[in-house]
N, C-alpha and C. Protein backbone atom coordinates (compact mmCIF):
# COMPACT_ATOMS: atom_id res chain seq x y z
N UNK A 1 1.26 3.36 15.45
CA UNK A 1 1.15 4.67 16.07
C UNK A 1 0.91 5.74 15.02
N UNK A 2 1.58 5.60 13.87
CA UNK A 2 1.39 6.58 12.80
C UNK A 2 -0.03 6.59 12.27
N UNK A 3 -0.63 5.42 12.13
CA UNK A 3 -2.01 5.33 11.66
C UNK A 3 -2.97 5.93 12.68
N UNK A 4 -2.76 5.63 13.96
CA UNK A 4 -3.61 6.18 15.02
C UNK A 4 -3.50 7.70 15.04
N UNK A 5 -2.30 8.22 14.98
CA UNK A 5 -2.11 9.68 14.96
C UNK A 5 -2.72 10.30 13.72
N UNK A 6 -2.60 9.61 12.57
CA UNK A 6 -3.18 10.11 11.34
C UNK A 6 -4.69 10.27 11.41
N UNK A 7 -5.32 9.51 12.30
CA UNK A 7 -6.77 9.60 12.51
C UNK A 7 -7.10 10.45 13.74
N UNK A 8 -6.12 11.17 14.26
CA UNK A 8 -6.28 12.03 15.44
C UNK A 8 -6.70 11.23 16.66
N UNK A 9 -6.15 10.03 16.79
CA UNK A 9 -6.48 9.16 17.92
C UNK A 9 -5.35 9.14 18.92
N UNK A 10 -5.51 8.29 19.93
CA UNK A 10 -4.49 8.15 20.96
C UNK A 10 -4.49 6.70 21.45
N UNK A 11 -3.41 6.33 22.11
CA UNK A 11 -3.28 4.99 22.66
C UNK A 11 -2.98 5.10 24.15
N UNK A 12 -3.74 4.34 24.95
CA UNK A 12 -3.49 4.23 26.39
C UNK A 12 -3.00 2.82 26.66
N UNK A 13 -1.97 2.69 27.49
CA UNK A 13 -1.40 1.38 27.79
C UNK A 13 -1.39 1.18 29.30
N UNK A 14 -1.97 0.04 29.74
CA UNK A 14 -1.89 -0.40 31.13
C UNK A 14 -1.07 -1.67 31.13
N UNK A 15 0.04 -1.68 31.85
CA UNK A 15 0.91 -2.85 31.84
C UNK A 15 1.29 -3.21 33.26
N UNK A 16 1.18 -4.51 33.56
CA UNK A 16 1.57 -4.99 34.88
C UNK A 16 2.50 -6.18 34.71
N UNK A 17 3.63 -6.10 35.37
CA UNK A 17 4.63 -7.15 35.29
C UNK A 17 4.02 -8.50 35.68
N UNK A 18 4.20 -9.48 34.82
CA UNK A 18 3.70 -10.82 35.11
C UNK A 18 2.22 -11.01 34.80
N UNK A 19 1.50 -9.95 34.50
CA UNK A 19 0.07 -10.07 34.22
C UNK A 19 -0.26 -9.74 32.77
N UNK A 20 0.54 -8.91 32.13
CA UNK A 20 0.29 -8.56 30.75
C UNK A 20 0.01 -7.09 30.56
N UNK A 21 -0.44 -6.76 29.37
CA UNK A 21 -0.69 -5.36 28.99
C UNK A 21 -2.04 -5.24 28.30
N UNK A 22 -2.65 -4.10 28.51
CA UNK A 22 -3.90 -3.76 27.83
C UNK A 22 -3.65 -2.48 27.05
N UNK A 23 -3.97 -2.53 25.75
CA UNK A 23 -3.82 -1.37 24.89
C UNK A 23 -5.22 -0.87 24.53
N UNK A 24 -5.48 0.39 24.77
CA UNK A 24 -6.76 1.00 24.38
C UNK A 24 -6.47 2.02 23.28
N UNK A 25 -7.07 1.80 22.14
CA UNK A 25 -6.89 2.72 21.01
C UNK A 25 -8.18 3.50 20.88
N UNK A 26 -8.08 4.81 21.00
CA UNK A 26 -9.24 5.69 20.99
C UNK A 26 -9.20 6.59 19.76
N UNK A 27 -10.32 6.61 19.01
CA UNK A 27 -10.44 7.48 17.85
C UNK A 27 -11.59 8.45 18.07
N UNK A 28 -11.51 9.65 17.52
CA UNK A 28 -12.61 10.59 17.65
C UNK A 28 -13.83 10.11 16.86
N UNK A 29 -15.00 10.49 17.33
CA UNK A 29 -16.25 10.14 16.66
C UNK A 29 -16.42 11.03 15.44
N UNK A 30 -16.93 10.44 14.37
CA UNK A 30 -17.21 11.20 13.16
C UNK A 30 -18.72 11.25 12.96
N UNK A 31 -19.20 12.40 12.54
CA UNK A 31 -20.63 12.52 12.27
C UNK A 31 -20.95 12.19 10.82
N UNK A 32 -19.93 12.00 9.99
CA UNK A 32 -20.14 11.63 8.59
C UNK A 32 -20.29 10.12 8.49
N UNK A 33 -21.08 9.68 7.51
CA UNK A 33 -21.20 8.25 7.28
C UNK A 33 -20.00 7.80 6.45
N UNK A 34 -19.64 6.52 6.61
CA UNK A 34 -18.51 5.97 5.87
C UNK A 34 -18.88 5.84 4.40
N UNK A 35 -17.95 6.23 3.53
CA UNK A 35 -18.17 6.14 2.09
C UNK A 35 -16.85 5.77 1.43
N UNK A 36 -16.95 5.05 0.34
CA UNK A 36 -15.79 4.84 -0.51
C UNK A 36 -16.03 5.70 -1.72
N UNK A 37 -15.17 6.70 -1.89
CA UNK A 37 -15.39 7.65 -2.97
C UNK A 37 -14.27 7.58 -3.99
N UNK A 38 -14.59 7.95 -5.20
CA UNK A 38 -13.57 8.10 -6.23
C UNK A 38 -13.01 6.83 -6.79
N UNK A 39 -13.77 5.70 -6.76
CA UNK A 39 -13.21 4.49 -7.32
C UNK A 39 -13.89 4.06 -8.60
N UNK A 40 -14.74 4.91 -9.17
CA UNK A 40 -15.39 4.57 -10.42
C UNK A 40 -14.39 4.62 -11.57
N UNK A 41 -14.58 3.73 -12.49
CA UNK A 41 -13.77 3.77 -13.71
C UNK A 41 -14.66 4.34 -14.79
N UNK A 42 -14.32 5.49 -15.31
CA UNK A 42 -15.16 6.12 -16.32
C UNK A 42 -14.81 5.67 -17.73
N UNK A 43 -13.98 4.62 -17.84
CA UNK A 43 -13.67 4.06 -19.14
C UNK A 43 -12.46 4.66 -19.82
N UNK A 44 -11.96 5.78 -19.31
CA UNK A 44 -10.80 6.35 -19.99
C UNK A 44 -9.70 6.81 -19.05
N UNK A 45 -9.83 6.51 -17.76
CA UNK A 45 -8.79 6.97 -16.86
C UNK A 45 -8.78 6.17 -15.57
N UNK A 46 -7.71 6.29 -14.83
CA UNK A 46 -7.61 5.67 -13.52
C UNK A 46 -8.33 6.56 -12.52
N UNK A 47 -9.43 6.05 -12.00
CA UNK A 47 -10.17 6.78 -10.99
C UNK A 47 -10.82 8.04 -11.48
N UNK A 48 -10.98 8.19 -12.78
CA UNK A 48 -11.63 9.38 -13.30
C UNK A 48 -10.79 10.63 -13.18
N UNK A 49 -9.47 10.48 -12.98
CA UNK A 49 -8.63 11.65 -12.79
C UNK A 49 -7.69 11.91 -13.96
N UNK A 50 -7.91 11.25 -15.07
CA UNK A 50 -7.06 11.46 -16.23
C UNK A 50 -5.91 10.48 -16.23
N UNK A 51 -5.42 10.18 -17.38
CA UNK A 51 -4.32 9.24 -17.46
C UNK A 51 -4.67 8.07 -18.33
N UNK A 52 -4.81 6.90 -17.77
CA UNK A 52 -5.07 5.71 -18.56
C UNK A 52 -5.95 4.73 -17.80
N UNK A 53 -6.59 3.87 -18.53
CA UNK A 53 -7.36 2.79 -17.94
C UNK A 53 -6.38 1.70 -17.56
N UNK A 54 -6.65 1.04 -16.45
CA UNK A 54 -5.75 0.00 -15.99
C UNK A 54 -5.71 -1.20 -16.91
N UNK A 55 -4.52 -1.68 -17.16
CA UNK A 55 -4.29 -2.90 -17.92
C UNK A 55 -3.16 -3.64 -17.26
N UNK A 56 -3.30 -4.95 -17.09
CA UNK A 56 -2.24 -5.75 -16.50
C UNK A 56 -2.55 -6.08 -15.05
N UNK A 57 -1.54 -6.62 -14.40
CA UNK A 57 -1.68 -7.13 -13.03
C UNK A 57 -0.89 -6.26 -12.08
N UNK A 58 -1.48 -6.01 -10.91
CA UNK A 58 -0.78 -5.30 -9.84
C UNK A 58 -0.63 -6.26 -8.66
N UNK A 59 0.61 -6.43 -8.21
CA UNK A 59 0.92 -7.26 -7.06
C UNK A 59 0.85 -6.41 -5.80
N UNK A 60 0.05 -6.86 -4.83
CA UNK A 60 -0.14 -6.13 -3.57
C UNK A 60 0.49 -6.97 -2.46
N UNK A 61 1.50 -6.41 -1.79
CA UNK A 61 2.21 -7.13 -0.73
C UNK A 61 2.03 -6.35 0.57
N UNK A 62 1.24 -6.90 1.48
CA UNK A 62 0.97 -6.24 2.77
C UNK A 62 0.59 -7.30 3.78
N UNK A 63 1.07 -7.15 5.00
CA UNK A 63 0.74 -8.14 6.03
C UNK A 63 -0.62 -7.89 6.68
N UNK A 64 -1.30 -6.82 6.32
CA UNK A 64 -2.62 -6.52 6.85
C UNK A 64 -3.70 -6.93 5.84
N UNK A 65 -4.53 -7.93 6.18
CA UNK A 65 -5.57 -8.38 5.24
C UNK A 65 -6.52 -7.26 4.80
N UNK A 66 -6.87 -6.35 5.69
CA UNK A 66 -7.80 -5.27 5.33
C UNK A 66 -7.20 -4.36 4.27
N UNK A 67 -5.90 -4.10 4.35
CA UNK A 67 -5.23 -3.26 3.35
C UNK A 67 -5.18 -3.99 2.02
N UNK A 68 -4.82 -5.28 2.06
CA UNK A 68 -4.79 -6.06 0.81
C UNK A 68 -6.16 -6.05 0.13
N UNK A 69 -7.22 -6.23 0.93
CA UNK A 69 -8.58 -6.24 0.37
C UNK A 69 -8.95 -4.89 -0.22
N UNK A 70 -8.66 -3.81 0.50
CA UNK A 70 -8.98 -2.47 0.01
C UNK A 70 -8.24 -2.17 -1.29
N UNK A 71 -6.94 -2.40 -1.32
CA UNK A 71 -6.16 -2.09 -2.51
C UNK A 71 -6.59 -2.98 -3.67
N UNK A 72 -6.91 -4.24 -3.40
CA UNK A 72 -7.42 -5.14 -4.46
C UNK A 72 -8.69 -4.57 -5.08
N UNK A 73 -9.60 -4.11 -4.22
CA UNK A 73 -10.85 -3.53 -4.71
C UNK A 73 -10.59 -2.28 -5.55
N UNK A 74 -9.68 -1.44 -5.08
CA UNK A 74 -9.38 -0.20 -5.79
C UNK A 74 -8.75 -0.46 -7.16
N UNK A 75 -7.76 -1.34 -7.21
CA UNK A 75 -7.11 -1.57 -8.50
C UNK A 75 -8.05 -2.29 -9.46
N UNK A 76 -8.92 -3.16 -8.94
CA UNK A 76 -9.92 -3.82 -9.79
C UNK A 76 -10.90 -2.82 -10.36
N UNK A 77 -11.26 -1.82 -9.55
CA UNK A 77 -12.26 -0.84 -9.96
C UNK A 77 -11.81 0.00 -11.15
N UNK A 78 -10.50 0.03 -11.40
CA UNK A 78 -9.99 0.82 -12.52
C UNK A 78 -9.35 -0.07 -13.59
N UNK A 79 -9.67 -1.36 -13.56
CA UNK A 79 -9.31 -2.23 -14.66
C UNK A 79 -8.10 -3.12 -14.50
N UNK A 80 -7.37 -3.02 -13.38
CA UNK A 80 -6.22 -3.89 -13.18
C UNK A 80 -6.65 -5.21 -12.55
N UNK A 81 -5.85 -6.24 -12.74
CA UNK A 81 -6.08 -7.53 -12.09
C UNK A 81 -5.17 -7.58 -10.85
N UNK A 82 -5.75 -7.67 -9.64
CA UNK A 82 -4.90 -7.73 -8.45
C UNK A 82 -4.48 -9.16 -8.11
N UNK A 83 -3.26 -9.31 -7.62
CA UNK A 83 -2.86 -10.53 -6.94
C UNK A 83 -2.22 -10.08 -5.64
N UNK A 84 -2.37 -10.90 -4.59
CA UNK A 84 -1.91 -10.45 -3.28
C UNK A 84 -0.94 -11.44 -2.64
N UNK A 85 -0.13 -10.90 -1.75
CA UNK A 85 0.79 -11.69 -0.94
C UNK A 85 0.77 -11.13 0.48
N UNK A 86 0.85 -12.02 1.46
CA UNK A 86 0.76 -11.58 2.86
C UNK A 86 2.11 -11.21 3.48
N UNK A 87 3.19 -11.47 2.78
CA UNK A 87 4.49 -11.03 3.29
C UNK A 87 5.47 -10.92 2.13
N UNK A 88 6.67 -10.46 2.42
CA UNK A 88 7.66 -10.22 1.38
C UNK A 88 8.10 -11.47 0.65
N UNK A 89 8.29 -12.55 1.37
CA UNK A 89 8.74 -13.79 0.73
C UNK A 89 7.69 -14.32 -0.26
N UNK A 90 6.43 -14.30 0.17
CA UNK A 90 5.37 -14.74 -0.73
C UNK A 90 5.27 -13.76 -1.92
N UNK A 91 5.46 -12.48 -1.66
CA UNK A 91 5.42 -11.48 -2.72
C UNK A 91 6.49 -11.71 -3.78
N UNK A 92 7.70 -12.04 -3.35
CA UNK A 92 8.78 -12.33 -4.29
C UNK A 92 8.42 -13.55 -5.14
N UNK A 93 7.88 -14.58 -4.51
CA UNK A 93 7.48 -15.79 -5.25
C UNK A 93 6.38 -15.47 -6.26
N UNK A 94 5.39 -14.67 -5.85
CA UNK A 94 4.30 -14.29 -6.75
C UNK A 94 4.84 -13.45 -7.92
N UNK A 95 5.80 -12.57 -7.62
CA UNK A 95 6.39 -11.75 -8.67
C UNK A 95 7.08 -12.64 -9.71
N UNK A 96 7.88 -13.61 -9.23
CA UNK A 96 8.59 -14.52 -10.15
C UNK A 96 7.61 -15.27 -11.04
N UNK A 97 6.51 -15.74 -10.45
CA UNK A 97 5.51 -16.52 -11.19
C UNK A 97 4.77 -15.70 -12.23
N UNK A 98 4.60 -14.39 -11.97
CA UNK A 98 3.75 -13.55 -12.80
C UNK A 98 4.47 -12.36 -13.41
N UNK A 99 5.79 -12.40 -13.48
CA UNK A 99 6.58 -11.24 -13.89
C UNK A 99 6.14 -10.69 -15.25
N UNK A 100 5.72 -11.53 -16.16
CA UNK A 100 5.33 -11.06 -17.49
C UNK A 100 4.06 -10.22 -17.47
N UNK A 101 3.20 -10.44 -16.47
CA UNK A 101 1.91 -9.75 -16.40
C UNK A 101 1.91 -8.55 -15.46
N UNK A 102 2.84 -8.50 -14.52
CA UNK A 102 2.83 -7.48 -13.47
C UNK A 102 3.30 -6.14 -14.04
N UNK A 103 2.45 -5.12 -13.87
CA UNK A 103 2.78 -3.77 -14.34
C UNK A 103 3.17 -2.85 -13.18
N UNK A 104 2.86 -3.26 -11.94
CA UNK A 104 3.22 -2.46 -10.77
C UNK A 104 3.12 -3.33 -9.52
N UNK A 105 3.82 -2.87 -8.47
CA UNK A 105 3.80 -3.54 -7.17
C UNK A 105 3.47 -2.51 -6.11
N UNK A 106 2.52 -2.85 -5.22
CA UNK A 106 2.21 -2.04 -4.05
C UNK A 106 2.76 -2.82 -2.87
N UNK A 107 3.69 -2.22 -2.13
CA UNK A 107 4.34 -2.95 -1.03
C UNK A 107 4.34 -2.11 0.24
N UNK A 108 4.07 -2.78 1.36
CA UNK A 108 4.11 -2.14 2.66
C UNK A 108 5.58 -1.97 3.07
N UNK A 109 5.91 -0.86 3.66
CA UNK A 109 7.28 -0.58 4.09
C UNK A 109 7.71 -1.49 5.23
N UNK A 110 6.82 -1.74 6.18
CA UNK A 110 7.19 -2.52 7.36
C UNK A 110 6.37 -3.80 7.41
N UNK A 111 7.06 -4.91 7.30
CA UNK A 111 6.45 -6.23 7.40
C UNK A 111 7.41 -7.13 8.16
N UNK A 112 6.88 -8.16 8.80
CA UNK A 112 7.78 -9.09 9.49
C UNK A 112 8.61 -9.89 8.48
N UNK A 113 9.74 -10.37 8.91
CA UNK A 113 10.67 -11.20 8.15
C UNK A 113 11.38 -10.44 7.04
N UNK A 114 10.66 -10.02 6.02
CA UNK A 114 11.29 -9.34 4.88
C UNK A 114 10.60 -8.00 4.69
N UNK A 115 11.30 -6.89 4.96
CA UNK A 115 10.66 -5.58 4.89
C UNK A 115 10.55 -5.08 3.44
N UNK A 116 9.85 -3.96 3.27
CA UNK A 116 9.61 -3.41 1.96
C UNK A 116 10.87 -3.08 1.17
N UNK A 117 11.89 -2.58 1.86
CA UNK A 117 13.14 -2.25 1.18
C UNK A 117 13.77 -3.50 0.57
N UNK A 118 13.78 -4.60 1.32
CA UNK A 118 14.34 -5.86 0.81
C UNK A 118 13.52 -6.38 -0.38
N UNK A 119 12.21 -6.26 -0.28
CA UNK A 119 11.33 -6.71 -1.36
C UNK A 119 11.59 -5.90 -2.63
N UNK A 120 11.65 -4.58 -2.48
CA UNK A 120 11.89 -3.71 -3.64
C UNK A 120 13.24 -4.02 -4.28
N UNK A 121 14.25 -4.21 -3.45
CA UNK A 121 15.58 -4.52 -3.97
C UNK A 121 15.54 -5.81 -4.80
N UNK A 122 14.87 -6.83 -4.31
CA UNK A 122 14.80 -8.11 -5.01
C UNK A 122 13.98 -8.01 -6.29
N UNK A 123 12.84 -7.34 -6.21
CA UNK A 123 11.97 -7.20 -7.38
C UNK A 123 12.66 -6.39 -8.48
N UNK A 124 13.29 -5.28 -8.11
CA UNK A 124 13.95 -4.45 -9.12
C UNK A 124 15.23 -5.10 -9.65
N UNK A 125 15.78 -6.04 -8.90
CA UNK A 125 16.91 -6.83 -9.42
C UNK A 125 16.42 -7.73 -10.56
N UNK A 126 15.22 -8.29 -10.38
CA UNK A 126 14.65 -9.17 -11.41
C UNK A 126 14.10 -8.39 -12.60
N UNK A 127 13.49 -7.22 -12.32
CA UNK A 127 12.84 -6.42 -13.37
C UNK A 127 13.06 -4.95 -13.02
N UNK A 128 14.12 -4.36 -13.54
CA UNK A 128 14.56 -3.02 -13.13
C UNK A 128 13.49 -1.94 -13.28
N UNK A 129 12.67 -2.00 -14.33
CA UNK A 129 11.72 -0.92 -14.59
C UNK A 129 10.35 -1.11 -13.93
N UNK A 130 10.27 -1.95 -12.91
CA UNK A 130 9.00 -2.18 -12.22
C UNK A 130 8.54 -0.92 -11.50
N UNK A 131 7.28 -0.56 -11.70
CA UNK A 131 6.68 0.56 -10.97
C UNK A 131 6.36 0.08 -9.55
N UNK A 132 6.72 0.90 -8.56
CA UNK A 132 6.52 0.51 -7.17
C UNK A 132 5.80 1.63 -6.43
N UNK A 133 4.77 1.25 -5.66
CA UNK A 133 4.13 2.17 -4.74
C UNK A 133 4.40 1.63 -3.34
N UNK A 134 5.07 2.43 -2.51
CA UNK A 134 5.39 2.03 -1.15
C UNK A 134 4.37 2.66 -0.21
N UNK A 135 3.75 1.83 0.59
CA UNK A 135 2.78 2.26 1.58
C UNK A 135 3.46 2.22 2.95
N UNK A 136 3.34 3.31 3.70
CA UNK A 136 4.01 3.36 4.99
C UNK A 136 3.17 4.12 6.01
N UNK A 137 3.43 3.84 7.28
CA UNK A 137 2.63 4.43 8.35
C UNK A 137 3.09 5.81 8.79
N UNK A 138 4.28 6.22 8.42
CA UNK A 138 4.78 7.53 8.81
C UNK A 138 5.90 7.95 7.88
N UNK A 139 6.21 9.22 7.88
CA UNK A 139 7.24 9.74 6.99
C UNK A 139 8.63 9.30 7.43
N UNK A 140 9.43 8.91 6.48
CA UNK A 140 10.81 8.52 6.73
C UNK A 140 11.66 9.09 5.61
N UNK A 141 11.95 10.38 5.69
CA UNK A 141 12.61 11.07 4.58
C UNK A 141 13.93 10.43 4.16
N UNK A 142 14.75 10.02 5.12
CA UNK A 142 16.04 9.42 4.77
C UNK A 142 15.84 8.11 4.01
N UNK A 143 14.91 7.28 4.47
CA UNK A 143 14.63 6.02 3.80
C UNK A 143 14.09 6.26 2.40
N UNK A 144 13.22 7.24 2.26
CA UNK A 144 12.64 7.56 0.95
C UNK A 144 13.75 7.95 -0.03
N UNK A 145 14.65 8.80 0.39
CA UNK A 145 15.75 9.21 -0.49
C UNK A 145 16.61 8.01 -0.88
N UNK A 146 16.87 7.13 0.06
CA UNK A 146 17.71 5.97 -0.18
C UNK A 146 17.08 5.02 -1.18
N UNK A 147 15.82 4.66 -0.97
CA UNK A 147 15.17 3.66 -1.81
C UNK A 147 14.75 4.23 -3.16
N UNK A 148 14.45 5.51 -3.23
CA UNK A 148 13.94 6.09 -4.48
C UNK A 148 15.02 6.25 -5.53
N UNK A 149 16.27 6.30 -5.11
CA UNK A 149 17.36 6.52 -6.05
C UNK A 149 17.40 5.39 -7.08
N UNK A 150 17.21 5.75 -8.33
CA UNK A 150 17.33 4.79 -9.41
C UNK A 150 16.11 3.92 -9.64
N UNK A 151 15.04 4.14 -8.91
CA UNK A 151 13.84 3.31 -9.07
C UNK A 151 12.63 4.19 -9.34
N UNK A 152 11.69 3.64 -10.08
CA UNK A 152 10.43 4.32 -10.35
C UNK A 152 9.51 4.06 -9.16
N UNK A 153 9.64 4.85 -8.10
CA UNK A 153 8.96 4.59 -6.84
C UNK A 153 8.04 5.75 -6.47
N UNK A 154 6.81 5.41 -6.06
CA UNK A 154 5.84 6.38 -5.57
C UNK A 154 5.54 6.02 -4.12
N UNK A 155 5.29 7.02 -3.27
CA UNK A 155 5.05 6.77 -1.86
C UNK A 155 3.67 7.26 -1.46
N UNK A 156 3.01 6.51 -0.57
CA UNK A 156 1.74 6.95 0.00
C UNK A 156 1.78 6.64 1.50
N UNK A 157 1.33 7.60 2.28
CA UNK A 157 1.35 7.46 3.73
C UNK A 157 0.01 6.93 4.23
N UNK A 158 0.07 5.90 5.09
CA UNK A 158 -1.14 5.37 5.74
C UNK A 158 -1.53 6.30 6.87
N UNK A 159 -2.76 6.42 7.18
CA UNK A 159 -3.91 5.86 6.47
C UNK A 159 -4.20 6.70 5.23
N UNK A 160 -4.65 6.08 4.17
CA UNK A 160 -4.96 6.82 2.96
C UNK A 160 -6.39 6.54 2.53
N UNK A 161 -6.94 7.49 1.83
CA UNK A 161 -8.30 7.36 1.31
C UNK A 161 -8.23 6.76 -0.09
N UNK A 162 -9.31 6.11 -0.52
CA UNK A 162 -9.32 5.52 -1.85
C UNK A 162 -8.92 6.49 -2.96
N UNK A 163 -9.45 7.71 -2.92
CA UNK A 163 -9.12 8.68 -3.96
C UNK A 163 -7.62 9.01 -3.95
N UNK A 164 -7.03 9.13 -2.75
CA UNK A 164 -5.60 9.42 -2.65
C UNK A 164 -4.78 8.27 -3.21
N UNK A 165 -5.21 7.04 -2.93
CA UNK A 165 -4.49 5.89 -3.48
C UNK A 165 -4.56 5.90 -5.01
N UNK A 166 -5.74 6.15 -5.55
CA UNK A 166 -5.89 6.16 -7.00
C UNK A 166 -5.06 7.27 -7.65
N UNK A 167 -4.92 8.40 -6.97
CA UNK A 167 -4.05 9.47 -7.47
C UNK A 167 -2.60 8.99 -7.52
N UNK A 168 -2.17 8.29 -6.48
CA UNK A 168 -0.79 7.77 -6.45
C UNK A 168 -0.60 6.70 -7.53
N UNK A 169 -1.63 5.89 -7.76
CA UNK A 169 -1.56 4.90 -8.81
C UNK A 169 -1.40 5.57 -10.17
N UNK A 170 -2.18 6.61 -10.41
CA UNK A 170 -2.08 7.36 -11.66
C UNK A 170 -0.68 7.98 -11.78
N UNK A 171 -0.17 8.52 -10.67
CA UNK A 171 1.16 9.12 -10.66
C UNK A 171 2.24 8.09 -11.01
N UNK A 172 2.06 6.87 -10.56
CA UNK A 172 3.04 5.81 -10.83
C UNK A 172 3.12 5.49 -12.31
N UNK A 173 2.02 5.73 -13.04
CA UNK A 173 2.02 5.45 -14.47
C UNK A 173 2.30 6.71 -15.27
């Protein structure tokens, strides 16, 4: 719902007992063509916004394949090596296997089985100074205050644009 609202869309639901439900997700039409902007690496910064060129591996943990693919492309474009996991349990296993190479973790706040908070707690237990970017569909101020205490954590709200993600990545470093 947060992603739909973020795109100024709406959801219509038709539900009949014993027959099922139909969800219609409606988004406004855009007259602009789709573009991926701001992902060039100019050789001296993350996304051309100042800072540093990417070095090392970034672990991306998200249950949405499209998000994993987008973030992989973005971090690759600025010099990092992406590795991905489709849920928290796989993410923890990937972190353990690659802990020496991982310089940051991008984790979705809400995932089935093991949520982002549990993943962050486990990862920071293994490696306290791990940089974390939490991706979430809506603002949760109380949760942010709780999880951010004592951790190097950056937050980005879905849906996000490539340039906004790269800014958050730069902020994390």
